[in-house]
């Protein structure tokens, strides 16, 4: 599949995807106003219950994010989201990237990642954590990410449960 990103406006990215996808394409733009129902729908669609079980935490997280971009259909329906935290200079941490299952494997996730990385072209490192599956490893490697272990690094987490 060929996906092109046309940056026709500074804060908007039009995604031109294969002809059988969607005639009017998909637009990526800043996600500026937290809409609980549409965000909860996205997280529920991929089974991220930690977020759906704590909607107040999720709203606070969105409000304190460095950058959040949404992918929208021609009728302005939110079908994907990417949320980053960090300082935008030394680190850009991709906290969440979600595309509704019925829109996956159409280049939208890739376009969301490329659009947010384009916002911070001089950041020293872009990081993310993901499920350790062949599918996710292949996806992130295909767009230029490298497992931290290949740099001799190891990630740690501490969950507040």
N, C-alpha and C. Protein backbone atom coordinates (compact mmCIF):
# COMPACT_ATOMS: atom_id res chain seq x y z
N UNK A 1 0.84 -1.17 0.00
CA UNK A 1 0.00 0.00 0.00
C UNK A 1 0.89 1.23 0.00
N UNK A 2 0.51 2.18 -0.79
CA UNK A 2 1.23 3.44 -0.83
C UNK A 2 0.48 4.48 -0.03
N UNK A 3 1.15 5.07 0.92
CA UNK A 3 0.57 6.15 1.71
C UNK A 3 1.42 7.37 1.50
N UNK A 4 0.77 8.47 1.14
CA UNK A 4 1.48 9.73 0.99
C UNK A 4 0.97 10.70 2.03
N UNK A 5 1.85 11.55 2.50
CA UNK A 5 1.44 12.59 3.44
C UNK A 5 1.62 13.92 2.75
N UNK A 6 0.53 14.62 2.57
CA UNK A 6 0.52 15.91 1.90
C UNK A 6 0.32 16.98 2.96
N UNK A 7 1.35 17.73 3.26
CA UNK A 7 1.23 18.76 4.28
C UNK A 7 0.80 20.07 3.63
N UNK A 8 -0.49 20.14 3.31
CA UNK A 8 -1.02 21.31 2.63
C UNK A 8 -1.15 22.52 3.55
N UNK A 9 -1.31 22.29 4.81
CA UNK A 9 -1.35 23.36 5.79
C UNK A 9 -0.42 22.98 6.93
N UNK A 10 0.08 23.95 7.64
CA UNK A 10 1.07 23.69 8.68
C UNK A 10 0.60 22.68 9.72
N UNK A 11 -0.63 22.80 10.19
CA UNK A 11 -1.12 21.94 11.26
C UNK A 11 -2.10 20.88 10.78
N UNK A 12 -2.10 20.57 9.50
CA UNK A 12 -3.02 19.59 8.98
C UNK A 12 -2.28 18.72 7.97
N UNK A 13 -2.52 17.45 8.05
CA UNK A 13 -1.88 16.51 7.14
C UNK A 13 -2.99 15.72 6.46
N UNK A 14 -3.00 15.72 5.15
CA UNK A 14 -3.97 14.92 4.41
C UNK A 14 -3.30 13.60 4.03
N UNK A 15 -3.99 12.52 4.30
CA UNK A 15 -3.45 11.21 3.98
C UNK A 15 -4.10 10.72 2.70
N UNK A 16 -3.28 10.44 1.70
CA UNK A 16 -3.79 9.90 0.46
C UNK A 16 -3.44 8.43 0.43
N UNK A 17 -4.45 7.59 0.52
CA UNK A 17 -4.24 6.16 0.63
C UNK A 17 -4.81 5.49 -0.61
N UNK A 18 -4.54 4.22 -0.78
CA UNK A 18 -4.96 3.51 -1.99
C UNK A 18 -6.41 3.81 -2.35
N UNK A 19 -6.73 3.68 -3.63
CA UNK A 19 -8.03 4.11 -4.15
C UNK A 19 -9.21 3.42 -3.49
N UNK A 20 -9.09 2.19 -3.06
CA UNK A 20 -10.23 1.48 -2.49
C UNK A 20 -10.47 1.85 -1.04
N UNK A 21 -9.68 2.76 -0.52
CA UNK A 21 -9.83 3.17 0.87
C UNK A 21 -10.97 4.14 1.00
N UNK A 22 -10.75 5.40 0.90
CA UNK A 22 -11.81 6.38 1.10
C UNK A 22 -11.59 7.53 0.13
N UNK A 23 -12.60 7.84 -0.60
CA UNK A 23 -12.47 8.83 -1.66
C UNK A 23 -11.98 10.18 -1.15
N UNK A 24 -12.51 10.61 -0.03
CA UNK A 24 -12.14 11.93 0.48
C UNK A 24 -10.91 11.90 1.37
N UNK A 25 -10.36 10.72 1.63
CA UNK A 25 -9.16 10.61 2.44
C UNK A 25 -9.41 10.86 3.91
N UNK A 26 -8.33 10.97 4.64
CA UNK A 26 -8.34 11.16 6.08
C UNK A 26 -7.47 12.36 6.37
N UNK A 27 -7.88 13.17 7.33
CA UNK A 27 -7.10 14.35 7.71
C UNK A 27 -6.56 14.14 9.12
N UNK A 28 -5.30 14.47 9.30
CA UNK A 28 -4.68 14.46 10.63
C UNK A 28 -4.50 15.91 11.06
N UNK A 29 -4.99 16.20 12.26
CA UNK A 29 -4.85 17.56 12.77
C UNK A 29 -4.77 17.53 14.29
N UNK A 30 -4.45 18.66 14.87
CA UNK A 30 -4.37 18.76 16.32
C UNK A 30 -5.68 18.31 16.95
N UNK A 31 -5.55 17.55 18.02
CA UNK A 31 -6.72 17.18 18.83
C UNK A 31 -6.70 18.14 20.01
N UNK A 32 -7.59 19.11 19.98
CA UNK A 32 -7.49 20.22 20.93
C UNK A 32 -8.49 20.18 22.08
N UNK A 33 -9.62 19.54 21.91
CA UNK A 33 -10.64 19.54 22.96
C UNK A 33 -11.01 18.10 23.31
N UNK A 34 -10.71 17.69 24.53
CA UNK A 34 -10.98 16.33 24.97
C UNK A 34 -12.49 16.07 24.94
N UNK A 35 -12.89 15.10 24.14
CA UNK A 35 -14.29 14.66 24.07
C UNK A 35 -14.33 13.25 24.63
N UNK A 36 -14.81 13.12 25.86
CA UNK A 36 -14.75 11.85 26.58
C UNK A 36 -15.33 10.69 25.78
N UNK A 37 -16.50 10.84 25.19
CA UNK A 37 -17.15 9.72 24.52
C UNK A 37 -16.34 9.19 23.34
N UNK A 38 -15.79 10.08 22.52
CA UNK A 38 -15.03 9.61 21.36
C UNK A 38 -13.70 8.98 21.78
N UNK A 39 -13.07 9.54 22.81
CA UNK A 39 -11.80 8.97 23.29
C UNK A 39 -12.05 7.62 23.95
N UNK A 40 -13.08 7.53 24.77
CA UNK A 40 -13.40 6.25 25.43
C UNK A 40 -13.73 5.19 24.38
N UNK A 41 -14.40 5.57 23.31
CA UNK A 41 -14.71 4.64 22.23
C UNK A 41 -13.44 4.10 21.59
N UNK A 42 -12.47 4.98 21.34
CA UNK A 42 -11.20 4.53 20.76
C UNK A 42 -10.49 3.53 21.67
N UNK A 43 -10.34 3.88 22.94
CA UNK A 43 -9.62 3.01 23.87
C UNK A 43 -10.36 1.69 24.07
N UNK A 44 -11.68 1.74 24.17
CA UNK A 44 -12.47 0.51 24.34
C UNK A 44 -12.35 -0.39 23.10
N UNK A 45 -12.25 0.21 21.92
CA UNK A 45 -12.20 -0.57 20.68
C UNK A 45 -10.96 -1.46 20.60
N UNK A 46 -9.90 -1.08 21.33
CA UNK A 46 -8.68 -1.89 21.31
C UNK A 46 -8.43 -2.59 22.65
N UNK A 47 -9.41 -2.50 23.54
CA UNK A 47 -9.33 -3.23 24.81
C UNK A 47 -8.42 -2.63 25.86
N UNK A 48 -8.16 -1.34 25.79
CA UNK A 48 -7.30 -0.69 26.77
C UNK A 48 -8.13 -0.29 27.99
N UNK A 49 -8.48 -1.26 28.80
CA UNK A 49 -9.41 -1.04 29.92
C UNK A 49 -8.81 -0.24 31.06
N UNK A 50 -7.50 -0.22 31.21
CA UNK A 50 -6.93 0.60 32.26
C UNK A 50 -7.34 2.06 32.08
N UNK A 51 -7.43 2.48 30.84
CA UNK A 51 -7.84 3.85 30.56
C UNK A 51 -9.35 4.01 30.69
N UNK A 52 -10.11 3.07 30.13
CA UNK A 52 -11.57 3.20 30.19
C UNK A 52 -12.10 3.05 31.61
N UNK A 53 -11.35 2.35 32.46
CA UNK A 53 -11.75 2.21 33.87
C UNK A 53 -11.42 3.46 34.69
N UNK A 54 -10.61 4.36 34.13
CA UNK A 54 -10.17 5.57 34.84
C UNK A 54 -10.30 6.80 33.94
N UNK A 55 -11.52 7.16 33.57
CA UNK A 55 -11.69 8.27 32.61
C UNK A 55 -11.17 9.61 33.10
N UNK A 56 -11.21 9.86 34.42
CA UNK A 56 -10.68 11.14 34.92
C UNK A 56 -9.17 11.20 34.74
N UNK A 57 -8.48 10.07 34.98
CA UNK A 57 -7.04 10.02 34.75
C UNK A 57 -6.73 10.27 33.28
N UNK A 58 -7.51 9.65 32.41
CA UNK A 58 -7.28 9.79 30.98
C UNK A 58 -7.46 11.25 30.53
N UNK A 59 -8.50 11.90 31.02
CA UNK A 59 -8.71 13.30 30.65
C UNK A 59 -7.56 14.18 31.15
N UNK A 60 -7.11 13.95 32.36
CA UNK A 60 -5.98 14.71 32.89
C UNK A 60 -4.72 14.46 32.07
N UNK A 61 -4.51 13.20 31.67
CA UNK A 61 -3.36 12.86 30.84
C UNK A 61 -3.40 13.60 29.51
N UNK A 62 -4.55 13.64 28.89
CA UNK A 62 -4.68 14.38 27.62
C UNK A 62 -4.40 15.86 27.82
N UNK A 63 -4.94 16.42 28.87
CA UNK A 63 -4.75 17.84 29.11
C UNK A 63 -3.30 18.21 29.40
N UNK A 64 -2.51 17.26 29.86
CA UNK A 64 -1.11 17.52 30.18
C UNK A 64 -0.13 16.97 29.15
N UNK A 65 -0.61 16.53 28.02
CA UNK A 65 0.25 15.96 26.98
C UNK A 65 1.01 17.06 26.24
N UNK A 66 2.15 16.68 25.70
CA UNK A 66 2.94 17.60 24.88
C UNK A 66 2.22 17.88 23.56
N UNK A 67 1.70 16.82 22.94
CA UNK A 67 1.05 16.96 21.64
C UNK A 67 0.09 15.80 21.44
N UNK A 68 -1.08 16.09 20.91
CA UNK A 68 -2.04 15.06 20.56
C UNK A 68 -2.60 15.38 19.18
N UNK A 69 -2.57 14.39 18.31
CA UNK A 69 -3.11 14.54 16.96
C UNK A 69 -4.20 13.51 16.75
N UNK A 70 -5.21 13.90 16.00
CA UNK A 70 -6.29 12.98 15.67
C UNK A 70 -6.36 12.74 14.17
N UNK A 71 -6.84 11.56 13.80
CA UNK A 71 -7.11 11.22 12.40
C UNK A 71 -8.62 11.23 12.23
N UNK A 72 -9.10 12.00 11.26
CA UNK A 72 -10.53 12.21 11.07
C UNK A 72 -10.95 11.83 9.66
N UNK A 73 -12.15 11.25 9.56
CA UNK A 73 -12.73 10.97 8.25
C UNK A 73 -13.29 12.26 7.67
N UNK A 74 -13.76 12.18 6.44
CA UNK A 74 -14.32 13.35 5.78
C UNK A 74 -15.53 13.91 6.53
N UNK A 75 -16.26 13.05 7.26
CA UNK A 75 -17.41 13.54 8.03
C UNK A 75 -17.03 13.95 9.45
N UNK A 76 -15.72 14.13 9.68
CA UNK A 76 -15.17 14.63 10.94
C UNK A 76 -15.28 13.62 12.09
N UNK A 77 -15.35 12.33 11.79
CA UNK A 77 -15.36 11.30 12.82
C UNK A 77 -13.92 10.97 13.19
N UNK A 78 -13.65 10.91 14.50
CA UNK A 78 -12.32 10.56 14.98
C UNK A 78 -12.12 9.06 14.85
N UNK A 79 -11.09 8.65 14.10
CA UNK A 79 -10.84 7.22 13.89
C UNK A 79 -9.46 6.79 14.39
N UNK A 80 -8.65 7.76 14.80
CA UNK A 80 -7.33 7.44 15.31
C UNK A 80 -6.78 8.59 16.11
N UNK A 81 -5.84 8.26 16.99
CA UNK A 81 -5.25 9.28 17.87
C UNK A 81 -3.81 8.90 18.17
N UNK A 82 -2.98 9.91 18.34
CA UNK A 82 -1.62 9.70 18.84
C UNK A 82 -1.38 10.78 19.89
N UNK A 83 -0.79 10.35 21.00
CA UNK A 83 -0.54 11.27 22.11
C UNK A 83 0.90 11.12 22.55
N UNK A 84 1.58 12.26 22.66
CA UNK A 84 2.99 12.26 23.05
C UNK A 84 3.19 13.10 24.30
N UNK A 85 4.15 12.67 25.10
CA UNK A 85 4.58 13.41 26.28
C UNK A 85 6.08 13.63 26.16
N UNK A 86 6.61 14.54 26.95
CA UNK A 86 8.05 14.80 26.92
C UNK A 86 8.32 16.28 26.88
N UNK A 87 9.57 16.62 26.54
CA UNK A 87 9.95 18.03 26.51
C UNK A 87 10.07 18.57 25.09
N UNK A 88 9.99 17.70 24.10
CA UNK A 88 10.06 18.14 22.71
C UNK A 88 11.44 18.52 22.24
N UNK A 89 12.45 18.37 23.08
CA UNK A 89 13.82 18.69 22.71
C UNK A 89 14.72 17.46 22.85
N UNK A 90 14.77 16.91 24.06
CA UNK A 90 15.61 15.73 24.25
C UNK A 90 14.81 14.44 24.11
N UNK A 91 13.49 14.50 24.39
CA UNK A 91 12.70 13.28 24.30
C UNK A 91 11.27 13.57 23.84
N UNK A 92 10.81 12.68 22.99
CA UNK A 92 9.42 12.64 22.56
C UNK A 92 8.98 11.21 22.83
N UNK A 93 8.09 11.04 23.78
CA UNK A 93 7.63 9.70 24.16
C UNK A 93 6.22 9.53 23.62
N UNK A 94 6.05 8.56 22.73
CA UNK A 94 4.74 8.25 22.18
C UNK A 94 4.01 7.43 23.23
N UNK A 95 3.08 8.06 23.91
CA UNK A 95 2.36 7.40 24.98
C UNK A 95 1.24 6.52 24.45
N UNK A 96 0.46 7.03 23.52
CA UNK A 96 -0.67 6.27 22.98
C UNK A 96 -0.74 6.46 21.47
N UNK A 97 -1.02 5.39 20.77
CA UNK A 97 -1.38 5.46 19.36
C UNK A 97 -2.45 4.40 19.14
N UNK A 98 -3.61 4.86 18.70
CA UNK A 98 -4.76 3.98 18.53
C UNK A 98 -5.45 4.31 17.22
N UNK A 99 -5.82 3.27 16.49
CA UNK A 99 -6.66 3.41 15.31
C UNK A 99 -7.80 2.42 15.48
N UNK A 100 -9.02 2.87 15.23
CA UNK A 100 -10.16 1.96 15.32
C UNK A 100 -9.87 0.70 14.51
N UNK A 101 -10.19 -0.47 15.04
CA UNK A 101 -9.86 -1.72 14.34
C UNK A 101 -10.32 -1.78 12.89
N UNK A 102 -11.50 -1.25 12.59
CA UNK A 102 -11.99 -1.31 11.21
C UNK A 102 -11.23 -0.40 10.26
N UNK A 103 -10.35 0.46 10.79
CA UNK A 103 -9.53 1.34 9.96
C UNK A 103 -8.04 0.98 10.01
N UNK A 104 -7.70 -0.08 10.73
CA UNK A 104 -6.30 -0.48 10.83
C UNK A 104 -5.81 -1.09 9.52
N UNK A 105 -4.48 -1.08 9.38
CA UNK A 105 -3.79 -1.64 8.22
C UNK A 105 -4.10 -0.87 6.93
N UNK A 106 -4.30 0.43 7.10
CA UNK A 106 -4.57 1.30 5.96
C UNK A 106 -3.62 2.49 5.92
N UNK A 107 -2.59 2.45 6.75
CA UNK A 107 -1.59 3.52 6.74
C UNK A 107 -1.87 4.66 7.71
N UNK A 108 -2.94 4.59 8.46
CA UNK A 108 -3.30 5.69 9.35
C UNK A 108 -2.36 5.77 10.55
N UNK A 109 -2.05 4.63 11.16
CA UNK A 109 -1.11 4.63 12.29
C UNK A 109 0.26 5.15 11.87
N UNK A 110 0.71 4.72 10.72
CA UNK A 110 2.00 5.19 10.20
C UNK A 110 1.96 6.70 9.98
N UNK A 111 0.88 7.18 9.39
CA UNK A 111 0.76 8.61 9.12
C UNK A 111 0.70 9.41 10.42
N UNK A 112 0.01 8.89 11.43
CA UNK A 112 -0.02 9.58 12.73
C UNK A 112 1.38 9.68 13.32
N UNK A 113 2.12 8.58 13.29
CA UNK A 113 3.50 8.61 13.82
C UNK A 113 4.37 9.60 13.06
N UNK A 114 4.30 9.54 11.74
CA UNK A 114 5.13 10.45 10.94
C UNK A 114 4.75 11.91 11.18
N UNK A 115 3.46 12.17 11.35
CA UNK A 115 3.02 13.55 11.56
C UNK A 115 3.52 14.10 12.89
N UNK A 116 3.47 13.29 13.94
CA UNK A 116 3.91 13.79 15.24
C UNK A 116 5.43 13.92 15.28
N UNK A 117 6.14 13.02 14.65
CA UNK A 117 7.60 13.12 14.59
C UNK A 117 8.02 14.35 13.79
N UNK A 118 7.26 14.65 12.75
CA UNK A 118 7.55 15.83 11.93
C UNK A 118 7.43 17.12 12.75
N UNK A 119 6.57 17.11 13.76
CA UNK A 119 6.41 18.29 14.62
C UNK A 119 7.66 18.59 15.43
N UNK A 120 8.46 17.56 15.68
CA UNK A 120 9.65 17.70 16.54
C UNK A 120 10.88 17.14 15.80
N UNK A 121 11.27 17.77 14.71
CA UNK A 121 12.33 17.21 13.87
C UNK A 121 13.71 17.19 14.53
N UNK A 122 13.92 18.00 15.55
CA UNK A 122 15.24 18.08 16.18
C UNK A 122 15.31 17.37 17.52
N UNK A 123 14.25 16.66 17.91
CA UNK A 123 14.27 15.96 19.19
C UNK A 123 15.36 14.88 19.15
N UNK A 124 16.05 14.72 20.25
CA UNK A 124 17.16 13.76 20.31
C UNK A 124 16.70 12.32 20.18
N UNK A 125 15.66 11.94 20.93
CA UNK A 125 15.19 10.56 20.85
C UNK A 125 13.67 10.50 20.94
N UNK A 126 13.12 9.64 20.12
CA UNK A 126 11.69 9.35 20.16
C UNK A 126 11.55 7.93 20.68
N UNK A 127 10.75 7.76 21.72
CA UNK A 127 10.61 6.45 22.35
C UNK A 127 9.14 6.08 22.45
N UNK A 128 8.92 4.79 22.60
CA UNK A 128 7.60 4.28 22.90
C UNK A 128 7.74 2.89 23.49
N UNK A 129 6.69 2.47 24.19
CA UNK A 129 6.62 1.10 24.69
C UNK A 129 5.40 0.48 24.03
N UNK A 130 5.50 -0.80 23.71
CA UNK A 130 4.40 -1.47 23.04
C UNK A 130 4.35 -2.93 23.45
N UNK A 131 3.30 -3.59 23.04
CA UNK A 131 3.19 -5.02 23.30
C UNK A 131 4.32 -5.75 22.58
N UNK A 132 4.83 -6.78 23.21
CA UNK A 132 5.93 -7.55 22.64
C UNK A 132 5.34 -8.67 21.78
N UNK A 133 4.84 -8.27 20.60
CA UNK A 133 4.30 -9.25 19.65
C UNK A 133 5.00 -9.09 18.32
N UNK A 134 4.99 -10.11 17.53
CA UNK A 134 5.61 -10.03 16.20
C UNK A 134 4.98 -8.92 15.38
N UNK A 135 3.67 -8.74 15.49
CA UNK A 135 2.95 -7.72 14.72
C UNK A 135 3.44 -6.32 15.07
N UNK A 136 3.52 -6.01 16.37
CA UNK A 136 3.93 -4.66 16.76
C UNK A 136 5.42 -4.43 16.49
N UNK A 137 6.23 -5.44 16.70
CA UNK A 137 7.66 -5.30 16.42
C UNK A 137 7.87 -5.02 14.94
N UNK A 138 7.19 -5.77 14.08
CA UNK A 138 7.32 -5.56 12.63
C UNK A 138 6.83 -4.18 12.23
N UNK A 139 5.71 -3.74 12.82
CA UNK A 139 5.17 -2.42 12.49
C UNK A 139 6.16 -1.32 12.82
N UNK A 140 6.66 -1.29 14.04
CA UNK A 140 7.54 -0.20 14.44
C UNK A 140 8.90 -0.27 13.74
N UNK A 141 9.41 -1.46 13.50
CA UNK A 141 10.65 -1.56 12.73
C UNK A 141 10.46 -1.05 11.31
N UNK A 142 9.28 -1.29 10.74
CA UNK A 142 9.03 -0.88 9.35
C UNK A 142 9.04 0.64 9.18
N UNK A 143 8.86 1.37 10.27
CA UNK A 143 8.88 2.84 10.16
C UNK A 143 10.08 3.45 10.86
N UNK A 144 11.12 2.62 11.06
CA UNK A 144 12.40 3.16 11.50
C UNK A 144 12.72 3.08 12.98
N UNK A 145 11.84 2.48 13.77
CA UNK A 145 12.15 2.32 15.20
C UNK A 145 13.01 1.08 15.41
N UNK A 146 13.81 1.10 16.47
CA UNK A 146 14.70 0.01 16.82
C UNK A 146 14.42 -0.41 18.25
N UNK A 147 14.32 -1.72 18.50
CA UNK A 147 14.14 -2.15 19.90
C UNK A 147 15.28 -1.63 20.77
N UNK A 148 14.96 -1.18 21.96
CA UNK A 148 15.96 -0.61 22.87
C UNK A 148 17.09 -1.60 23.15
N UNK A 149 16.78 -2.88 23.14
CA UNK A 149 17.81 -3.88 23.42
C UNK A 149 18.94 -3.84 22.39
N UNK A 150 18.63 -3.38 21.18
CA UNK A 150 19.67 -3.27 20.15
C UNK A 150 20.62 -2.12 20.42
N UNK A 151 20.27 -1.22 21.33
CA UNK A 151 21.16 -0.15 21.76
C UNK A 151 21.83 -0.50 23.09
N UNK A 152 21.62 -1.72 23.55
CA UNK A 152 22.15 -2.13 24.84
C UNK A 152 21.37 -1.54 26.01
N UNK A 153 20.12 -1.17 25.75
CA UNK A 153 19.27 -0.56 26.78
C UNK A 153 18.15 -1.51 27.20
N UNK A 154 17.61 -1.23 28.36
CA UNK A 154 16.50 -2.00 28.90
C UNK A 154 15.55 -1.03 29.55
N UNK A 155 14.26 -1.21 29.32
CA UNK A 155 13.26 -0.33 29.91
C UNK A 155 12.74 -0.89 31.21
N UNK A 156 12.33 -0.01 32.10
CA UNK A 156 11.74 -0.41 33.38
C UNK A 156 10.45 0.35 33.56
N UNK A 157 9.54 -0.27 34.33
CA UNK A 157 8.26 0.38 34.65
C UNK A 157 7.98 0.20 36.13
N UNK A 158 7.27 1.13 36.69
CA UNK A 158 6.74 1.01 38.04
C UNK A 158 5.30 1.45 37.96
N UNK A 159 4.38 0.54 38.20
CA UNK A 159 2.96 0.86 38.12
C UNK A 159 2.42 1.20 39.49
N UNK A 160 1.58 2.18 39.54
CA UNK A 160 0.93 2.61 40.75
C UNK A 160 -0.43 1.90 40.80
N UNK A 161 -0.47 0.75 41.44
CA UNK A 161 -1.73 -0.02 41.47
C UNK A 161 -2.42 0.05 42.80
